[in-house]
Amino acid sequence: MEMHQLRYFASVADEGSFTAAARRLLVSQSGVSTQVAKLERELGQRLIDRSGRRIRLTPAGQAVLPLAKSALATLEAITHTAAEFAGAVRGRVRLGMIMGCTIPAFLDTVADLGRSHPGIEISLHEGYSDRLQVQVLAGSLDLALIGYAGEVASGLEVGVVVEEPITATVPAGHPLDRPDLRLADLRDERILCLSRGTGIRAAYEDSCRGIGLDPRVDIDASSPAALLRLAERGAGVAVLSASAAHGSGLRTVSLTDAATPARLGIITRRGPHSPAAQLLRTRLLAAMRAE
């Protein structure tokens, strides 16, 4: 058994066809087919069912696939570790980040790593936190900065960088401009909150359900800044995390019974990571926890 046979098999499984896998690997389709067939003969098991219009993994193929990907990841980690000892960490890191991310420590770290390690290529992908978790689990992203409430998906490791309560933000002089509020005090107000799939939205909904309230949202947006501008104009009460809730002429009011905090964290899949991905994760955690 050879590593390129495992790579070809994993590519066929990911792409759904021998043709697409060959295109991704920049080799001939016949070469991919031949090497996968050799792998099947060596294992004594059919891994791919070729009888339909689209290939499907057999039960044996489904069992072998995660092991093949783990072996390929280990080989990549060995290669990058050797390069690190030679003084040159290299590789491509696929980094996810929450929508509209403007956190200085995060952006500064990404920029600094690019300057200090020119052999590392960083590919940035923006998205909602729930989708970023799926992408990291699937291996299409190496790590991601997400917002979440409660626990992350099974199979992920998370390094928490921020944990803070959600708050209500209102214009100065608003009837709810008080020292503190309860979630029930917002019942007759129009609620402004981030879109579903974000940590703040999840923290708000979980806190409401925990005390038997309907987590209603009248206007949602992907950007805290947009919600604050709407709150300034009297469109409603913005429910945001404490650090995100600031704006000209606005008051941030604590919600005393909002039990679920909003969190920011760096997620990775459980298992080995390339030195480049591990280096970026370590630096992000250090910089964002120090902020």
Protein backbone atom coordinates (compact mmCIF):
# COMPACT_ATOMS: atom_id res chain seq x y z
CA MET A 1 0.00 0.00 0.00
CA GLU A 2 1.32 3.45 -0.94
CA MET A 3 0.33 6.89 0.26
CA HIS A 4 -0.64 8.10 -3.21
CA GLN A 5 -3.18 5.27 -3.42
CA LEU A 6 -4.82 6.55 -0.23
CA ARG A 7 -4.72 10.10 -1.62
CA TYR A 8 -6.41 9.00 -4.85
CA PHE A 9 -9.09 7.06 -2.95
CA ALA A 10 -9.82 10.00 -0.61
CA SER A 11 -10.06 12.38 -3.57
CA VAL A 12 -12.54 10.12 -5.40
CA ALA A 13 -14.64 9.90 -2.23
CA ASP A 14 -14.58 13.69 -1.75
CA GLU A 15 -15.24 14.59 -5.39
CA GLY A 16 -17.83 11.92 -6.10
CA SER A 17 -16.25 10.71 -9.34
CA PHE A 18 -12.98 9.48 -10.83
CA THR A 19 -13.05 12.26 -13.43
CA ALA A 20 -13.35 15.06 -10.87
CA ALA A 21 -10.69 13.46 -8.68
CA ALA A 22 -8.28 13.24 -11.61
CA ARG A 23 -8.91 16.89 -12.40
CA ARG A 24 -8.20 17.87 -8.79
CA LEU A 25 -5.04 15.75 -8.63
CA LEU A 26 -3.82 16.81 -12.08
CA VAL A 27 -3.39 13.20 -13.23
CA SER A 28 -5.20 11.01 -15.76
CA GLN A 29 -8.51 9.39 -14.92
CA SER A 30 -7.11 5.99 -15.83
CA GLY A 31 -4.25 6.53 -13.40
CA VAL A 32 -6.66 7.27 -10.56
CA SER A 33 -8.83 4.27 -11.41
CA THR A 34 -5.82 1.94 -11.65
CA GLN A 35 -4.34 3.01 -8.31
CA VAL A 36 -7.65 2.75 -6.45
CA ALA A 37 -8.17 -0.72 -7.93
CA LYS A 38 -4.67 -1.73 -6.74
CA LEU A 39 -5.51 -0.47 -3.26
CA GLU A 40 -8.70 -2.54 -3.24
CA ARG A 41 -6.79 -5.66 -4.30
CA GLU A 42 -4.19 -5.15 -1.59
CA LEU A 43 -6.87 -4.70 1.05
CA GLY A 44 -9.01 -7.53 -0.28
CA GLN A 45 -12.09 -5.29 -0.12
CA ARG A 46 -14.10 -3.33 -2.65
CA LEU A 47 -14.04 0.28 -1.40
CA ILE A 48 -16.07 1.96 -4.16
CA ASP A 49 -19.33 0.79 -5.73
CA ARG A 50 -19.07 1.68 -9.41
CA SER A 51 -22.39 0.16 -10.49
CA GLY A 52 -24.46 3.37 -10.50
CA ARG A 53 -24.22 6.65 -12.39
CA ARG A 54 -22.38 8.13 -9.40
CA ILE A 55 -19.83 6.25 -7.39
CA ARG A 56 -20.70 5.30 -3.82
CA LEU A 57 -18.54 4.09 -0.98
CA THR A 58 -19.12 0.53 0.14
CA PRO A 59 -19.39 -0.12 3.90
CA ALA A 60 -15.69 -1.03 3.82
CA GLY A 61 -14.93 2.20 1.97
CA GLN A 62 -16.84 4.25 4.52
CA ALA A 63 -14.82 2.65 7.32
CA VAL A 64 -11.48 3.08 5.55
CA LEU A 65 -11.98 6.71 4.42
CA PRO A 66 -11.44 8.47 7.81
CA LEU A 67 -8.39 6.28 8.46
CA ALA A 68 -6.96 7.17 5.04
CA LYS A 69 -7.51 10.88 5.68
CA SER A 70 -5.88 10.59 9.10
CA ALA A 71 -2.85 8.88 7.56
CA LEU A 72 -2.56 11.60 4.91
CA ALA A 73 -2.85 14.33 7.55
CA THR A 74 -0.13 12.64 9.61
CA LEU A 75 2.15 12.48 6.60
CA GLU A 76 1.58 16.18 5.92
CA ALA A 77 2.30 17.00 9.57
CA ILE A 78 5.56 15.02 9.41
CA THR A 79 6.61 16.91 6.30
CA HIS A 80 5.82 20.30 7.82
CA THR A 81 7.48 19.42 11.12
CA ALA A 82 10.68 18.53 9.31
CA ALA A 83 10.50 21.87 7.50
CA GLU A 84 10.00 23.64 10.83
CA PHE A 85 13.21 22.15 12.19
CA ALA A 86 14.91 23.39 9.07
CA GLY A 87 13.75 26.87 10.05
CA ALA A 88 11.03 27.29 7.46
CA VAL A 89 7.39 26.57 8.33
CA ARG A 90 5.53 26.29 5.06
CA GLY A 91 2.09 25.38 3.86
CA ARG A 92 -1.40 26.66 3.21
CA VAL A 93 -3.81 27.42 6.05
CA ARG A 94 -7.53 27.74 5.34
CA LEU A 95 -8.85 30.09 8.01
CA GLY A 96 -12.51 30.84 8.65
CA MET A 97 -13.83 33.92 10.43
CA ILE A 98 -17.17 35.25 11.56
CA MET A 99 -19.09 37.59 9.27
CA GLY A 100 -17.93 41.20 9.44
CA CYS A 101 -14.95 40.44 11.68
CA THR A 102 -13.07 43.62 12.63
CA ILE A 103 -11.30 42.36 15.79
CA PRO A 104 -7.86 44.05 15.77
CA ALA A 105 -6.01 41.20 17.53
CA PHE A 106 -7.32 38.68 15.02
CA LEU A 107 -6.52 40.74 11.94
CA ASP A 108 -3.12 41.87 13.29
CA THR A 109 -2.09 38.26 13.98
CA VAL A 110 -3.03 37.11 10.49
CA ALA A 111 -1.09 40.01 8.96
CA ASP A 112 1.95 39.49 11.22
CA LEU A 113 2.17 35.77 10.47
CA GLY A 114 2.19 36.48 6.74
CA ARG A 115 5.13 38.85 7.20
CA SER A 116 7.14 36.67 9.60
CA HIS A 117 6.57 33.39 7.72
CA PRO A 118 6.44 34.11 3.98
CA GLY A 119 6.29 30.36 3.31
CA ILE A 120 2.80 30.20 4.85
CA GLU A 121 -0.13 30.98 2.56
CA ILE A 122 -3.32 31.97 4.39
CA SER A 123 -6.71 31.65 2.71
CA LEU A 124 -9.49 33.58 4.51
CA HIS A 125 -13.13 32.50 4.36
CA GLU A 126 -15.99 34.50 5.94
CA GLY A 127 -19.22 32.90 7.10
CA TYR A 128 -21.79 32.33 9.84
CA SER A 129 -20.50 30.41 12.84
CA ASP A 130 -22.70 27.33 12.43
CA ARG A 131 -21.52 26.90 8.83
CA LEU A 132 -17.88 27.43 9.82
CA GLN A 133 -18.19 24.54 12.29
CA VAL A 134 -19.45 22.27 9.51
CA GLN A 135 -16.57 23.31 7.24
CA VAL A 136 -13.91 22.68 9.89
CA LEU A 137 -15.43 19.26 10.66
CA ALA A 138 -15.47 18.41 6.94
CA GLY A 139 -11.82 19.43 6.56
CA SER A 140 -12.46 22.23 4.07
CA LEU A 141 -11.15 24.69 6.69
CA ASP A 142 -8.20 24.11 9.03
CA LEU A 143 -9.40 26.41 11.81
CA ALA A 144 -11.93 29.18 12.34
CA LEU A 145 -12.89 32.01 14.63
CA ILE A 146 -16.54 31.50 15.58
CA GLY A 147 -19.15 32.89 17.92
CA TYR A 148 -21.16 30.29 19.83
CA ALA A 149 -23.26 29.58 22.90
CA GLY A 150 -23.21 26.33 24.84
CA GLU A 151 -20.99 23.69 23.23
CA VAL A 152 -19.37 23.37 19.81
CA ALA A 153 -20.07 20.41 17.53
CA SER A 154 -18.76 16.99 18.51
CA GLY A 155 -15.37 16.31 16.95
CA LEU A 156 -14.13 19.89 17.35
CA GLU A 157 -11.68 21.38 19.82
CA VAL A 158 -12.25 24.97 20.90
CA GLY A 159 -9.99 27.54 22.52
CA VAL A 160 -12.20 30.16 24.16
CA VAL A 161 -10.93 33.73 23.71
CA VAL A 162 -13.96 35.75 24.93
CA GLU A 163 -16.92 34.91 27.15
CA GLU A 164 -19.33 37.70 28.01
CA PRO A 165 -23.04 38.33 28.68
CA ILE A 166 -25.53 39.61 26.17
CA THR A 167 -26.91 43.10 26.78
CA ALA A 168 -29.66 45.43 25.58
CA THR A 169 -28.62 48.61 23.76
CA VAL A 170 -31.02 51.55 23.63
CA PRO A 171 -30.81 55.28 22.86
CA ALA A 172 -30.12 57.58 25.82
CA GLY A 173 -33.40 58.63 27.41
CA HIS A 174 -35.28 55.56 26.15
CA PRO A 175 -37.87 54.18 28.63
CA LEU A 176 -35.55 51.13 29.05
CA ASP A 177 -32.48 53.29 29.75
CA ARG A 178 -32.10 51.84 33.25
CA PRO A 179 -29.30 50.33 35.38
CA ASP A 180 -30.44 46.83 34.44
CA LEU A 181 -33.28 44.92 32.80
CA ARG A 182 -34.79 41.47 32.61
CA LEU A 183 -35.52 39.76 29.30
CA ALA A 184 -39.25 40.07 29.96
CA ASP A 185 -38.82 43.86 29.96
CA LEU A 186 -38.12 43.63 26.22
CA ARG A 187 -41.43 41.93 25.47
CA ASP A 188 -43.14 45.01 23.99
CA GLU A 189 -40.07 46.25 22.10
CA ARG A 190 -38.88 45.54 18.59
CA ILE A 191 -35.81 43.30 18.93
CA LEU A 192 -32.72 43.79 16.78
CA CYS A 193 -30.22 40.91 16.80
CA LEU A 194 -27.64 39.15 14.69
CA SER A 195 -28.69 36.53 12.15
CA ARG A 196 -29.25 32.87 12.99
CA GLY A 197 -26.02 30.91 12.99
CA THR A 198 -24.19 33.48 15.12
CA GLY A 199 -23.14 33.03 18.75
CA ILE A 200 -24.95 36.12 20.03
CA ARG A 201 -28.23 35.02 18.44
CA ALA A 202 -27.81 31.55 19.96
CA ALA A 203 -27.06 33.04 23.40
CA TYR A 204 -30.16 35.27 23.20
CA GLU A 205 -32.46 32.46 22.07
CA ASP A 206 -31.11 30.00 24.65
CA SER A 207 -31.46 32.57 27.47
CA CYS A 208 -35.07 33.32 26.47
CA ARG A 209 -36.07 29.67 26.26
CA GLY A 210 -34.42 29.02 29.62
CA ILE A 211 -37.00 31.26 31.32
CA GLY A 212 -39.95 30.33 29.12
CA LEU A 213 -39.93 33.32 26.76
CA ASP A 214 -40.36 33.28 22.98
CA PRO A 215 -37.02 34.47 21.49
CA ARG A 216 -38.61 36.85 18.98
CA VAL A 217 -36.41 38.92 16.62
CA ASP A 218 -37.95 41.64 14.44
CA ILE A 219 -34.86 42.73 12.47
CA ASP A 220 -31.70 40.70 12.04
CA ALA A 221 -28.42 41.55 10.34
CA SER A 222 -24.96 40.06 9.92
CA SER A 223 -23.18 43.12 11.33
CA PRO A 224 -23.32 44.50 14.90
CA ALA A 225 -22.57 47.96 13.45
CA ALA A 226 -25.76 47.85 11.36
CA LEU A 227 -27.83 46.93 14.42
CA LEU A 228 -26.31 49.79 16.42
CA ARG A 229 -27.08 52.29 13.67
CA LEU A 230 -30.67 51.03 13.62
CA ALA A 231 -30.91 51.34 17.41
CA GLU A 232 -29.63 54.93 17.18
CA ARG A 233 -32.50 55.65 14.79
CA GLY A 234 -35.12 54.22 17.13
CA ALA A 235 -35.77 51.01 15.18
CA GLY A 236 -35.70 48.88 18.33
CA VAL A 237 -33.56 47.42 21.11
CA ALA A 238 -30.31 45.85 19.94
CA VAL A 239 -29.36 42.61 21.72
CA LEU A 240 -25.60 42.20 21.45
CA SER A 241 -22.60 41.10 23.49
CA ALA A 242 -21.22 43.62 25.96
CA SER A 243 -18.10 44.41 23.92
CA ALA A 244 -20.03 44.87 20.67
CA ALA A 245 -22.63 47.19 22.18
CA HIS A 246 -21.28 50.71 21.85
CA GLY A 247 -22.34 53.67 19.78
CA SER A 248 -22.93 57.41 19.82
CA GLY A 249 -25.86 58.32 22.05
CA LEU A 250 -26.51 54.69 23.04
CA ARG A 251 -26.75 53.07 26.48
CA THR A 252 -25.75 49.49 27.21
CA VAL A 253 -28.02 47.88 29.82
CA SER A 254 -27.28 44.54 31.49
CA LEU A 255 -29.84 41.72 31.22
CA THR A 256 -29.75 40.14 34.65
CA ASP A 257 -31.51 36.89 33.73
CA ALA A 258 -29.69 36.22 30.44
CA ALA A 259 -27.96 33.07 31.67
CA THR A 260 -26.21 31.92 28.49
CA PRO A 261 -23.06 33.90 27.65
CA ALA A 262 -21.86 34.69 24.15
CA ARG A 263 -18.48 33.20 23.37
CA LEU A 264 -15.77 33.62 20.77
CA GLY A 265 -13.40 30.75 20.16
CA ILE A 266 -10.86 29.27 17.77
CA ILE A 267 -12.00 25.84 16.58
CA THR A 268 -10.04 23.01 14.97
CA ARG A 269 -10.80 19.38 14.24
CA ARG A 270 -9.60 16.84 16.78
CA GLY A 271 -6.44 15.16 15.55
CA PRO A 272 -3.12 16.19 14.05
CA HIS A 273 -2.67 19.58 12.40
CA SER A 274 -0.01 20.94 10.09
CA PRO A 275 2.69 23.05 11.80
CA ALA A 276 1.46 26.08 9.86
CA ALA A 277 -2.11 25.68 11.14
CA GLN A 278 -0.89 24.95 14.66
CA LEU A 279 1.36 28.02 14.63
CA LEU A 280 -1.49 30.29 13.53
CA ARG A 281 -3.84 28.82 16.15
CA THR A 282 -1.29 29.33 18.93
CA ARG A 283 -0.65 32.94 17.94
CA LEU A 284 -4.35 33.76 17.58
CA LEU A 285 -5.17 32.37 21.01
CA ALA A 286 -2.30 34.25 22.65
CA ALA A 287 -3.08 37.58 20.97
CA MET A 288 -6.85 37.49 21.46
CA ARG A 289 -6.67 36.35 25.09
CA ALA A 290 -4.23 39.15 25.83
CA GLU A 291 -6.46 41.85 24.34
